Protein backbone atom coordinates (compact mmCIF):
# COMPACT_ATOMS: atom_id res chain seq x y z
CA UNK A 1 58.75 -40.37 54.00
CA UNK A 2 61.03 -38.52 56.43
CA UNK A 3 64.07 -36.70 55.15
CA UNK A 4 67.34 -38.61 55.44
CA UNK A 5 69.86 -37.40 58.01
CA UNK A 6 72.98 -36.12 56.22
CA UNK A 7 76.50 -37.30 56.86
CA UNK A 8 79.48 -34.93 56.93
CA UNK A 9 82.18 -34.52 54.29
CA UNK A 10 84.96 -32.09 55.15
CA UNK A 11 82.74 -30.26 57.61
CA UNK A 12 79.70 -29.97 55.33
CA UNK A 13 76.39 -31.88 55.54
CA UNK A 14 75.90 -34.09 52.50
CA UNK A 15 73.31 -36.61 51.34
CA UNK A 16 73.42 -39.31 48.70
CA UNK A 17 71.12 -41.63 46.83
CA UNK A 18 71.40 -44.55 49.28
CA UNK A 19 69.93 -44.62 52.79
CA UNK A 20 69.57 -46.97 55.74
CA UNK A 21 67.35 -47.09 58.81
CA UNK A 22 68.14 -46.74 62.50
CA UNK A 23 65.67 -48.59 64.70
CA UNK A 24 65.11 -48.62 68.47
CA UNK A 25 66.46 -51.81 70.11
CA UNK A 26 63.60 -51.80 72.63
CA UNK A 27 60.59 -51.89 70.32
CA UNK A 28 62.08 -51.78 66.81
CA UNK A 29 60.40 -48.49 65.94
CA UNK A 30 62.01 -46.35 63.26
CA UNK A 31 64.20 -43.64 64.80
CA UNK A 32 65.73 -42.11 61.68
CA UNK A 33 66.63 -42.65 58.05
CA UNK A 34 70.29 -41.86 57.39
CA UNK A 35 72.02 -41.07 54.11
CA UNK A 36 74.89 -43.34 53.08
CA UNK A 37 77.94 -42.01 51.21
CA UNK A 38 78.79 -43.22 47.74
CA UNK A 39 82.41 -44.02 46.80
CA UNK A 40 83.02 -40.56 45.30
CA UNK A 41 81.89 -38.88 48.51
CA UNK A 42 84.12 -41.13 50.59
CA UNK A 43 87.05 -40.30 48.34
CA UNK A 44 86.31 -36.58 48.68
CA UNK A 45 86.40 -36.85 52.47
CA UNK A 46 89.71 -38.72 52.46
CA UNK A 47 91.24 -36.30 49.96
CA UNK A 48 90.13 -33.36 52.08
CA UNK A 49 91.67 -34.91 55.21
CA UNK A 50 94.96 -35.36 53.41
CA UNK A 51 94.88 -31.81 52.04
CA UNK A 52 94.06 -30.40 55.49
CA UNK A 53 97.28 -31.62 57.12
CA UNK A 54 99.32 -28.41 56.56
CA UNK A 55 96.54 -26.15 57.84
CA UNK A 56 95.96 -28.37 60.86
CA UNK A 57 99.67 -28.45 61.67
CA UNK A 58 99.86 -24.67 61.44
CA UNK A 59 96.96 -24.07 63.85
CA UNK A 60 97.93 -22.41 67.09
CA UNK A 61 97.42 -24.23 70.38
CA UNK A 62 94.80 -21.71 71.46
CA UNK A 63 92.83 -22.22 68.22
CA UNK A 64 92.73 -25.99 68.62
CA UNK A 65 91.85 -25.61 72.28
CA UNK A 66 89.09 -23.12 71.51
CA UNK A 67 87.45 -25.49 69.03
CA UNK A 68 87.53 -28.39 71.47
CA UNK A 69 86.29 -26.25 74.36
CA UNK A 70 83.41 -25.03 72.19
CA UNK A 71 82.34 -28.61 71.49
CA UNK A 72 82.63 -29.50 75.19
CA UNK A 73 80.35 -26.63 76.12
CA UNK A 74 77.81 -27.34 73.40
CA UNK A 75 77.59 -31.01 74.37
CA UNK A 76 76.71 -29.90 77.88
CA UNK A 77 74.15 -27.38 76.59
CA UNK A 78 72.43 -29.98 74.41
CA UNK A 79 72.84 -32.71 76.99
CA UNK A 80 69.21 -33.81 77.29
CA UNK A 81 68.80 -33.93 73.51
CA UNK A 82 71.95 -36.01 73.15
CA UNK A 83 70.98 -38.34 75.99
CA UNK A 84 67.57 -38.99 74.41
CA UNK A 85 69.27 -39.67 71.08
CA UNK A 86 71.70 -42.15 72.64
CA UNK A 87 68.81 -43.96 74.31
CA UNK A 88 66.81 -44.07 71.10
CA UNK A 89 69.55 -45.49 68.89
CA UNK A 90 71.35 -47.79 71.35
CA UNK A 91 68.71 -48.78 73.91
CA UNK A 92 70.88 -47.46 76.74
CA UNK A 93 68.78 -46.43 79.77
CA UNK A 94 68.34 -42.70 79.96
CA UNK A 95 70.16 -42.43 83.28
CA UNK A 96 73.29 -43.98 81.75
CA UNK A 97 72.92 -41.98 78.55
CA UNK A 98 73.18 -38.81 80.63
CA UNK A 99 76.38 -40.14 82.20
CA UNK A 100 77.80 -40.75 78.73
CA UNK A 101 76.96 -37.21 77.62
CA UNK A 102 78.70 -35.75 80.66
CA UNK A 103 81.75 -37.88 79.99
CA UNK A 104 81.86 -36.83 76.34
CA UNK A 105 81.80 -33.18 77.34
CA UNK A 106 84.64 -33.89 79.78
CA UNK A 107 86.63 -35.72 77.10
CA UNK A 108 86.53 -32.69 74.81
CA UNK A 109 87.37 -30.42 77.75
CA UNK A 110 90.43 -32.56 78.48
CA UNK A 111 91.33 -32.33 74.80
CA UNK A 112 91.21 -28.53 75.00
CA UNK A 113 93.37 -28.49 78.12
CA UNK A 114 95.92 -30.95 76.74
CA UNK A 115 96.12 -29.03 73.45
CA UNK A 116 97.45 -26.06 75.43
CA UNK A 117 100.00 -28.23 77.24
CA UNK A 118 101.25 -30.06 74.12
CA UNK A 119 104.73 -28.53 74.02
CA UNK A 120 107.54 -31.10 73.86
CA UNK A 121 110.72 -30.77 75.87
CA UNK A 122 114.30 -29.52 75.76
CA UNK A 123 117.15 -32.00 76.19
CA UNK A 124 120.68 -30.70 76.77
CA UNK A 125 123.32 -32.60 74.83
CA UNK A 126 126.45 -31.21 76.49
CA UNK A 127 126.38 -34.12 78.92
CA UNK A 128 129.18 -35.46 76.72
CA UNK A 129 132.10 -33.42 75.35
CA UNK A 130 131.03 -34.13 71.76
CA UNK A 131 127.72 -32.42 72.48
CA UNK A 132 129.12 -29.17 73.81
CA UNK A 133 127.06 -26.20 72.66
CA UNK A 134 124.19 -28.38 71.50
CA UNK A 135 120.61 -28.88 72.70
CA UNK A 136 117.74 -30.96 71.35
CA UNK A 137 114.17 -29.78 71.08
CA UNK A 138 111.92 -32.86 71.10
CA UNK A 139 108.34 -32.43 69.91
CA UNK A 140 105.64 -34.80 68.74
CA UNK A 141 103.91 -34.41 65.37
CA UNK A 142 100.91 -36.25 63.87
CA UNK A 143 101.53 -39.45 61.98
CA UNK A 144 98.89 -38.26 59.52
CA UNK A 145 95.11 -38.28 59.06
CA UNK A 146 93.25 -40.73 61.28
CA UNK A 147 90.45 -43.16 60.50
CA UNK A 148 88.42 -43.57 63.69
CA UNK A 149 86.07 -46.58 63.73
CA UNK A 150 83.66 -46.63 66.66
CA UNK A 151 81.22 -49.19 68.18
CA UNK A 152 77.55 -49.01 69.13
CA UNK A 153 77.80 -49.23 72.91
CA UNK A 154 79.10 -45.70 73.58
CA UNK A 155 78.00 -43.89 70.42
CA UNK A 156 79.04 -40.45 71.67
CA UNK A 157 81.89 -40.78 74.17
CA UNK A 158 83.91 -43.33 72.20
CA UNK A 159 83.65 -41.02 69.20
CA UNK A 160 84.88 -38.22 71.46
CA UNK A 161 87.87 -40.38 72.39
CA UNK A 162 88.84 -40.57 68.71
CA UNK A 163 88.07 -36.98 67.72
CA UNK A 164 89.33 -34.90 70.66
CA UNK A 165 92.90 -36.30 70.78
CA UNK A 166 93.26 -36.17 66.99
CA UNK A 167 92.20 -32.54 66.73
CA UNK A 168 94.26 -31.63 69.80
CA UNK A 169 97.48 -32.72 68.06
CA UNK A 170 96.49 -31.35 64.65
CA UNK A 171 95.54 -34.59 62.91
CA UNK A 172 92.50 -34.59 60.59
CA UNK A 173 90.08 -37.40 61.37
CA UNK A 174 87.41 -39.35 59.53
CA UNK A 175 84.88 -40.99 61.84
CA UNK A 176 83.11 -44.17 60.77
CA UNK A 177 80.37 -44.77 63.36
CA UNK A 178 78.63 -48.09 63.95
CA UNK A 179 75.74 -48.45 61.47
CA UNK A 180 73.31 -49.20 64.29
CA UNK A 181 74.16 -45.98 66.18
CA UNK A 182 75.27 -43.18 63.82
CA UNK A 183 73.00 -40.43 65.12
CA UNK A 184 75.10 -39.23 68.07
CA UNK A 185 78.16 -38.76 65.89
CA UNK A 186 76.10 -36.96 63.25
CA UNK A 187 74.83 -34.53 65.88
CA UNK A 188 78.41 -34.12 67.07
CA UNK A 189 79.15 -33.06 63.49
CA UNK A 190 76.74 -30.15 63.95
CA UNK A 191 78.77 -28.96 66.92
CA UNK A 192 82.10 -29.36 65.15
CA UNK A 193 80.69 -27.39 62.20
CA UNK A 194 80.25 -24.41 64.52
CA UNK A 195 84.01 -24.16 65.06
CA UNK A 196 86.77 -22.55 62.95
CA UNK A 197 88.57 -25.82 62.23
CA UNK A 198 90.06 -25.94 58.72
CA UNK A 199 88.12 -27.54 55.89
CA UNK A 200 88.87 -31.26 55.86
CA UNK A 201 89.78 -31.38 59.54
CA UNK A 202 86.96 -33.85 60.15
CA UNK A 203 84.30 -35.90 58.40
CA UNK A 204 81.65 -38.35 59.61
CA UNK A 205 81.00 -41.08 57.06
CA UNK A 206 78.08 -43.42 57.63
CA UNK A 207 79.45 -46.15 55.38
CA UNK A 208 78.41 -49.76 55.82
CA UNK A 209 80.66 -52.25 57.53
CA UNK A 210 81.12 -53.94 54.17
CA UNK A 211 82.65 -50.73 52.79
CA UNK A 212 85.03 -50.33 55.74
CA UNK A 213 87.96 -52.35 54.29
CA UNK A 214 88.38 -49.81 51.49
CA UNK A 215 88.76 -46.99 54.01
CA UNK A 216 91.13 -49.06 56.13
CA UNK A 217 93.34 -49.78 53.12
CA UNK A 218 93.49 -46.18 51.84
CA UNK A 219 97.13 -45.06 51.99
CA UNK A 220 96.06 -41.47 52.68
CA UNK A 221 94.90 -42.58 56.15
CA UNK A 222 98.12 -43.84 57.81
CA UNK A 223 96.50 -44.24 61.24
CA UNK A 224 93.55 -46.49 62.06
CA UNK A 225 92.02 -46.28 65.54
CA UNK A 226 89.43 -49.01 66.06
CA UNK A 227 87.21 -49.81 69.03
CA UNK A 228 85.05 -52.91 68.71
CA UNK A 229 85.13 -56.68 68.56
CA UNK A 230 88.41 -58.57 68.68
CA UNK A 231 87.99 -60.54 65.41
CA UNK A 232 87.33 -57.38 63.41
CA UNK A 233 90.11 -55.46 65.12
CA UNK A 234 92.78 -58.06 64.53
CA UNK A 235 91.65 -58.49 60.91
CA UNK A 236 92.22 -54.75 60.43
CA UNK A 237 95.74 -54.99 61.81
CA UNK A 238 96.49 -58.02 59.63
CA UNK A 239 95.19 -56.19 56.56
CA UNK A 240 97.41 -53.11 57.01
CA UNK A 241 100.57 -54.21 58.83
CA UNK A 242 102.51 -51.10 57.78
CA UNK A 243 99.98 -48.66 59.22
CA UNK A 244 99.83 -47.48 62.80
CA UNK A 245 96.82 -49.35 64.18
CA UNK A 246 95.34 -48.69 67.62
CA UNK A 247 92.98 -51.42 68.83
CA UNK A 248 90.63 -51.18 71.80
CA UNK A 249 88.97 -54.57 71.75
CA UNK A 250 86.98 -56.82 74.01
CA UNK A 251 87.40 -58.15 77.51
CA UNK A 252 85.84 -60.44 80.09
CA UNK A 253 86.63 -58.25 83.06
CA UNK A 254 87.24 -59.97 86.37
CA UNK A 255 86.99 -59.02 90.04
CA UNK A 256 88.85 -60.56 92.96
CA UNK A 257 87.36 -60.12 96.43
CA UNK A 258 90.10 -60.78 98.98
CA UNK A 259 89.45 -62.30 102.39
CA UNK A 260 90.39 -59.05 104.13
CA UNK A 261 87.36 -57.40 102.49
CA UNK A 262 85.13 -59.15 105.02
CA UNK A 263 83.16 -56.50 106.90
CA UNK A 264 79.45 -56.76 106.20
CA UNK A 265 79.24 -53.16 105.03
CA UNK A 266 82.23 -53.69 102.72
CA UNK A 267 80.68 -56.78 101.16
CA UNK A 268 77.35 -55.04 100.64
CA UNK A 269 79.07 -52.12 98.94
CA UNK A 270 81.16 -54.41 96.74
CA UNK A 271 78.06 -56.43 95.85
CA UNK A 272 76.20 -53.30 94.83
CA UNK A 273 79.08 -52.15 92.62
CA UNK A 274 79.43 -55.60 91.05
CA UNK A 275 75.68 -55.89 90.39
CA UNK A 276 75.46 -52.43 88.88
CA UNK A 277 78.51 -52.66 86.67
CA UNK A 278 77.87 -56.11 85.33
CA UNK A 279 74.61 -54.77 83.92
CA UNK A 280 74.91 -50.99 83.45
CA UNK A 281 74.96 -51.16 79.64
CA UNK A 282 72.98 -54.40 79.63
CA UNK A 283 76.49 -55.80 80.00
CA UNK A 284 77.49 -54.28 76.66
CA UNK A 285 80.74 -52.75 77.84
CA UNK A 286 84.19 -54.23 77.40
CA UNK A 287 84.91 -53.54 81.08
CA UNK A 288 81.54 -54.69 82.42
CA UNK A 289 82.06 -57.15 85.28
CA UNK A 290 81.76 -60.67 83.90
CA UNK A 291 83.79 -62.84 86.28
CA UNK A 292 84.01 -62.62 90.08
CA UNK A 293 86.42 -64.66 92.17
CA UNK A 294 86.03 -64.49 95.95
CA UNK A 295 88.15 -66.11 98.62
CA UNK A 296 86.15 -68.83 100.37
CA UNK A 297 85.89 -66.95 103.65
CA UNK A 298 83.71 -64.32 101.97
CA UNK A 299 82.29 -66.24 99.00
CA UNK A 300 78.87 -67.36 100.25
CA UNK A 301 78.01 -64.01 101.80
CA UNK A 302 79.16 -62.16 98.68
CA UNK A 303 77.17 -64.48 96.42
CA UNK A 304 74.00 -63.85 98.43
CA UNK A 305 74.53 -60.07 98.46
CA UNK A 306 75.31 -59.88 94.74
CA UNK A 307 72.35 -62.09 93.80
CA UNK A 308 69.98 -59.96 95.87
CA UNK A 309 71.36 -56.75 94.36
CA UNK A 310 71.04 -58.11 90.82
CA UNK A 311 67.47 -59.26 91.46
CA UNK A 312 66.57 -55.70 92.51
CA UNK A 313 67.72 -54.15 89.22
CA UNK A 314 64.83 -52.74 87.22
CA UNK A 315 64.66 -53.79 83.56
CA UNK A 316 62.40 -52.35 80.89
CA UNK A 317 61.92 -49.43 78.53
CA UNK A 318 65.21 -47.50 78.46
CA UNK A 319 63.30 -44.24 78.08
CA UNK A 320 61.77 -44.74 81.52
CA UNK A 321 63.65 -42.79 84.19
CA UNK A 322 63.45 -45.76 86.58
CA UNK A 323 64.96 -48.33 84.20
CA UNK A 324 68.43 -49.54 85.13
CA UNK A 325 68.91 -52.31 82.55
CA UNK A 326 67.61 -51.93 79.02
CA UNK A 327 67.65 -54.14 75.94
CA UNK A 328 70.61 -55.49 74.07
CA UNK A 329 71.43 -53.87 70.75
CA UNK A 330 69.32 -56.33 68.73
CA UNK A 331 67.52 -59.66 68.86
CA UNK A 332 70.52 -61.63 67.60
CA UNK A 333 72.64 -60.36 70.50
CA UNK A 334 69.96 -61.28 73.05
CA UNK A 335 69.52 -64.76 71.56
CA UNK A 336 73.29 -65.32 71.66
CA UNK A 337 73.46 -64.40 75.37
CA UNK A 338 70.55 -66.74 76.10
CA UNK A 339 72.31 -69.51 74.18
CA UNK A 340 75.55 -69.07 76.14
CA UNK A 341 73.65 -69.26 79.44
CA UNK A 342 71.94 -72.46 78.33
CA UNK A 343 75.28 -73.96 77.24
CA UNK A 344 76.78 -73.26 80.66
CA UNK A 345 73.78 -74.81 82.45
CA UNK A 346 73.99 -77.91 80.27
CA UNK A 347 77.66 -78.17 81.28
CA UNK A 348 76.82 -78.08 85.00
CA UNK A 349 76.40 -74.41 85.91
CA UNK A 350 73.62 -73.15 88.17
CA UNK A 351 71.61 -70.01 87.50
CA UNK A 352 71.20 -68.28 90.84
CA UNK A 353 69.03 -65.48 89.52
CA UNK A 354 67.80 -64.11 86.17
CA UNK A 355 68.74 -65.26 82.68
CA UNK A 356 65.29 -65.23 81.08
CA UNK A 357 64.97 -63.55 77.69
CA UNK A 358 62.03 -61.41 76.57
CA UNK A 359 62.63 -60.16 73.07
CA UNK A 360 65.82 -58.09 73.09
CA UNK A 361 65.94 -57.95 76.91
CA UNK A 362 67.75 -60.53 79.05
CA UNK A 363 67.06 -60.47 82.79
CA UNK A 364 70.36 -59.81 84.61
CA UNK A 365 71.80 -63.19 85.51
CA UNK A 366 74.14 -64.59 88.16
CA UNK A 367 75.62 -68.08 87.66
CA UNK A 368 77.85 -70.28 89.78
CA UNK A 369 79.69 -73.57 89.13
CA UNK A 370 80.44 -72.47 85.57
CA UNK A 371 83.05 -74.78 83.99
CA UNK A 372 86.30 -72.90 83.28
CA UNK A 373 86.12 -73.82 79.59
CA UNK A 374 82.53 -72.55 79.11
CA UNK A 375 82.15 -69.56 76.83
CA UNK A 376 80.71 -67.55 79.72
CA UNK A 377 84.04 -67.98 81.51
CA UNK A 378 86.36 -67.64 78.51
CA UNK A 379 84.84 -65.24 75.99
CA UNK A 380 83.25 -61.81 76.15
CA UNK A 381 79.53 -62.29 76.75
CA UNK A 382 78.66 -58.61 76.11
CA UNK A 383 75.44 -59.11 77.97
CA UNK A 384 73.98 -58.90 81.52
CA UNK A 385 75.56 -62.09 82.84
CA UNK A 386 77.83 -62.55 85.84
CA UNK A 387 79.81 -65.62 86.94
CA UNK A 388 80.81 -65.93 90.63
CA UNK A 389 83.23 -68.62 91.80
CA UNK A 390 85.22 -69.32 95.02
CA UNK A 391 89.01 -69.43 95.11
CA UNK A 392 91.45 -70.76 97.69
CA UNK A 393 93.67 -67.78 98.34
CA UNK A 394 95.24 -64.94 96.42
CA UNK A 395 97.47 -67.17 94.31
CA UNK A 396 94.48 -68.91 92.78
CA UNK A 397 92.46 -65.72 92.49
CA UNK A 398 95.13 -63.84 90.57
CA UNK A 399 95.80 -66.87 88.39
CA UNK A 400 92.10 -67.21 87.53
CA UNK A 401 91.95 -63.57 86.45
CA UNK A 402 95.00 -64.07 84.22
CA UNK A 403 93.57 -67.29 82.77
CA UNK A 404 91.84 -65.39 80.00
CA UNK A 405 92.53 -64.54 76.37
CA UNK A 406 91.79 -60.92 77.28
CA UNK A 407 93.51 -58.38 79.50
CA UNK A 408 91.73 -55.04 79.65
CA UNK A 409 91.05 -54.15 83.30
CA UNK A 410 90.56 -56.01 86.57
CA UNK A 411 89.20 -55.02 89.97
CA UNK A 412 90.57 -56.12 93.34
CA UNK A 413 88.65 -55.51 96.56
CA UNK A 414 91.28 -55.38 99.28
CA UNK A 415 92.44 -53.07 102.05
CA UNK A 416 95.94 -54.53 102.09
CA UNK A 417 98.38 -52.30 100.20
CA UNK A 418 100.69 -55.29 99.72
CA UNK A 419 97.92 -57.16 97.89
CA UNK A 420 97.26 -54.07 95.80
CA UNK A 421 100.88 -53.79 94.66
CA UNK A 422 101.08 -57.52 94.04
CA UNK A 423 97.98 -57.41 91.87
CA UNK A 424 99.36 -54.44 89.94
CA UNK A 425 102.59 -56.37 89.34
CA UNK A 426 101.14 -59.78 88.48
CA UNK A 427 97.89 -59.15 86.64
CA UNK A 428 98.40 -59.14 82.87
CA UNK A 429 95.90 -56.37 82.16
CA UNK A 430 95.99 -52.73 81.11
CA UNK A 431 94.54 -51.40 84.35
CA UNK A 432 94.02 -52.62 87.93
CA UNK A 433 91.30 -50.91 89.98
CA UNK A 434 91.80 -51.37 93.72
CA UNK A 435 88.75 -51.23 95.96
CA UNK A 436 86.30 -51.13 93.08
CA UNK A 437 85.13 -52.85 89.91
CA UNK A 438 87.14 -52.92 86.66
CA UNK A 439 84.42 -50.83 85.01
CA UNK A 440 85.86 -47.64 86.47
CA UNK A 441 87.39 -45.41 83.81
CA UNK A 442 88.44 -41.79 84.08
CA UNK A 443 88.53 -40.31 80.59
CA UNK A 444 91.91 -38.65 81.12
CA UNK A 445 93.76 -41.77 82.30
CA UNK A 446 95.60 -44.19 79.97
CA UNK A 447 93.20 -46.92 78.91
CA UNK A 448 93.84 -50.06 76.91
CA UNK A 449 94.60 -53.73 77.19
CA UNK A 450 96.98 -56.63 76.70
CA UNK A 451 96.65 -59.97 74.92
CA UNK A 452 93.40 -60.16 72.96
CA UNK A 453 92.16 -56.84 74.31
CA UNK A 454 94.19 -54.86 71.83
CA UNK A 455 97.19 -52.62 71.44
CA UNK A 456 97.84 -48.93 72.06
CA UNK A 457 96.26 -46.62 74.59
CA UNK A 458 93.39 -44.18 74.75
CA UNK A 459 92.64 -41.58 77.41
CA UNK A 460 93.14 -38.13 75.94
CA UNK A 461 96.85 -37.50 76.52
CA UNK A 462 97.80 -41.15 76.01
CA UNK A 463 95.92 -41.15 72.70
CA UNK A 464 97.62 -37.92 71.66
CA UNK A 465 100.97 -39.64 72.16
CA UNK A 466 99.76 -42.70 70.25
CA UNK A 467 98.68 -40.61 67.24
CA UNK A 468 102.03 -38.82 66.99
CA UNK A 469 105.76 -39.48 66.57
CA UNK A 470 108.73 -37.75 68.13
CA UNK A 471 110.73 -35.41 65.93
CA UNK A 472 114.05 -34.02 67.13
CA UNK A 473 115.61 -30.67 66.27
CA UNK A 474 119.24 -30.20 67.32
CA UNK A 475 120.41 -26.63 67.93
CA UNK A 476 124.12 -25.98 67.53
CA UNK A 477 126.24 -23.24 69.05
CA UNK A 478 123.99 -22.83 72.06
CA UNK A 479 125.40 -21.50 75.31
CA UNK A 480 123.72 -23.52 78.04
C-alpha cells in the first residue's frame, strides 16, 4: 500500500490514522492516498493561526513579499510537475493545466508586488478650523485569520487567490481544499514550507466536507472565503452571520453578439472564442460561456460558425497533448449534464451538435430553441453545453442576460463604444467583457458577482481590501 500524502499543520507535514483516495476522473485509476486530519489536529492548526497573528502583523513588507515571490518562482520551476498533478486529480486537459500553473505563479507574483505597495494614505484634517494641526493616517489591518475553502475546478490557482492576498496583508490562513482535488494545494504547501513565514501562518487541512461546518463556526477564524456552489456558499453565510464571509459562487455566463459585429472574420473569431470557452474546463468554470444571445441579423451565421467550431473540439484523455475537452469531475456530474440536455430536448429544444455521454465525458453540445425556464437556461450547468438564441435588438439582448439568478460576468461583442458603456451600466453583473467572452479574467483585476453569484471581490488587491478593515490614527499638533 502506498504511503499517504501528508497534510500541513502550521507549516509542518502531518499524517493521521484516517485516509481517503484521490482518483482520476478519466479512468478512475488511483492517483494518491491522502491523510485526513483528526479533530485534535484541526484544532492545533486553528490555534496556531490565531497565535500567529502578532508575528504576521509585525512582518515587514519586504519579508512578506519575499515569501510570496519565492512561491511564485517555485511554481514556475515545478510547472510541468504541477500541471501533470492538476490533470491527474481534476481531469483538466494538460494544455489548460499549464495555463492554470502560469496563472497561479502570476497570482503569487502580484501578491508580492502588492505587499510592497500596501501602505495606506494620509488625510489632512485642517480642511475645517476644528481640525487645525491634525492629520489622519489611514491604514488597513487584517480582520483576523482566514478560512479559505476552495473548489475542484481550479485546484491550484483558486487556492493561490486565497493564500496570496491573505499572506500579503499579514493574515494567517487555513486552506480547506476540495476532497476530490487536494494534491495541488498539498504540493503548494511544500513551496510555502521553504519560506520564512512564521509558524502558524498557513495550514492545509484535507478535512471532509462533512467536517467543514465545524471549521466555519470556529470563532478563531473570523473570515471565511469560499469559492464553490451557490447552495453551500449561502448556507455558510447563513450559519455565521456575524463573520466576514466572501462568496465566489456560480454563474451561467452569457454573451451578447450585437448586429454591428457582422464582418465574417469577426463572427468567425467570436465563434472560436465562444466554442473554446464554453468547453475549456469541460464547462466546469463559473464563467464558462453557457448562454449566447445574437441579434437576428447575425444569428444564423453565428450559430453555424459556433456549431462547426464546437464540432472540431477534440475530446479524450486529458493527459494527451491534443485533447481540448476532458472528462467531468465524476460520473454523477456527467450524468446530471446529460439529464439536463434531455430535459431541454423534451421541452422543445434542438441539439445542433454534441451532447452524447461516454462515461465521465460529455461531447461538447450546442442547443437552440431552449425554453427560457429550462434548467440549461436558468441554472449553472457546469458542463460542456452551450445555448444559442436570437434576440430582436439590444434591449432584448441585455434583458435576457439580466434574466438570470446569477450575475458574475458577461461578454458583449460590439465595436460601438456607446453599446459598451450601456452594457456596463445596465448589466447586473460583476464584470462586463467587451469584444470577448465572459471567461476572460486577469488575476489582478477585481473579480466577483452580484445576485446569486456571491458577495465580495477577489483579484489580489481587491481581496486584500476585502480581508482587512480601515484603522485611523489621528496625529495632533502637526504643522501641515
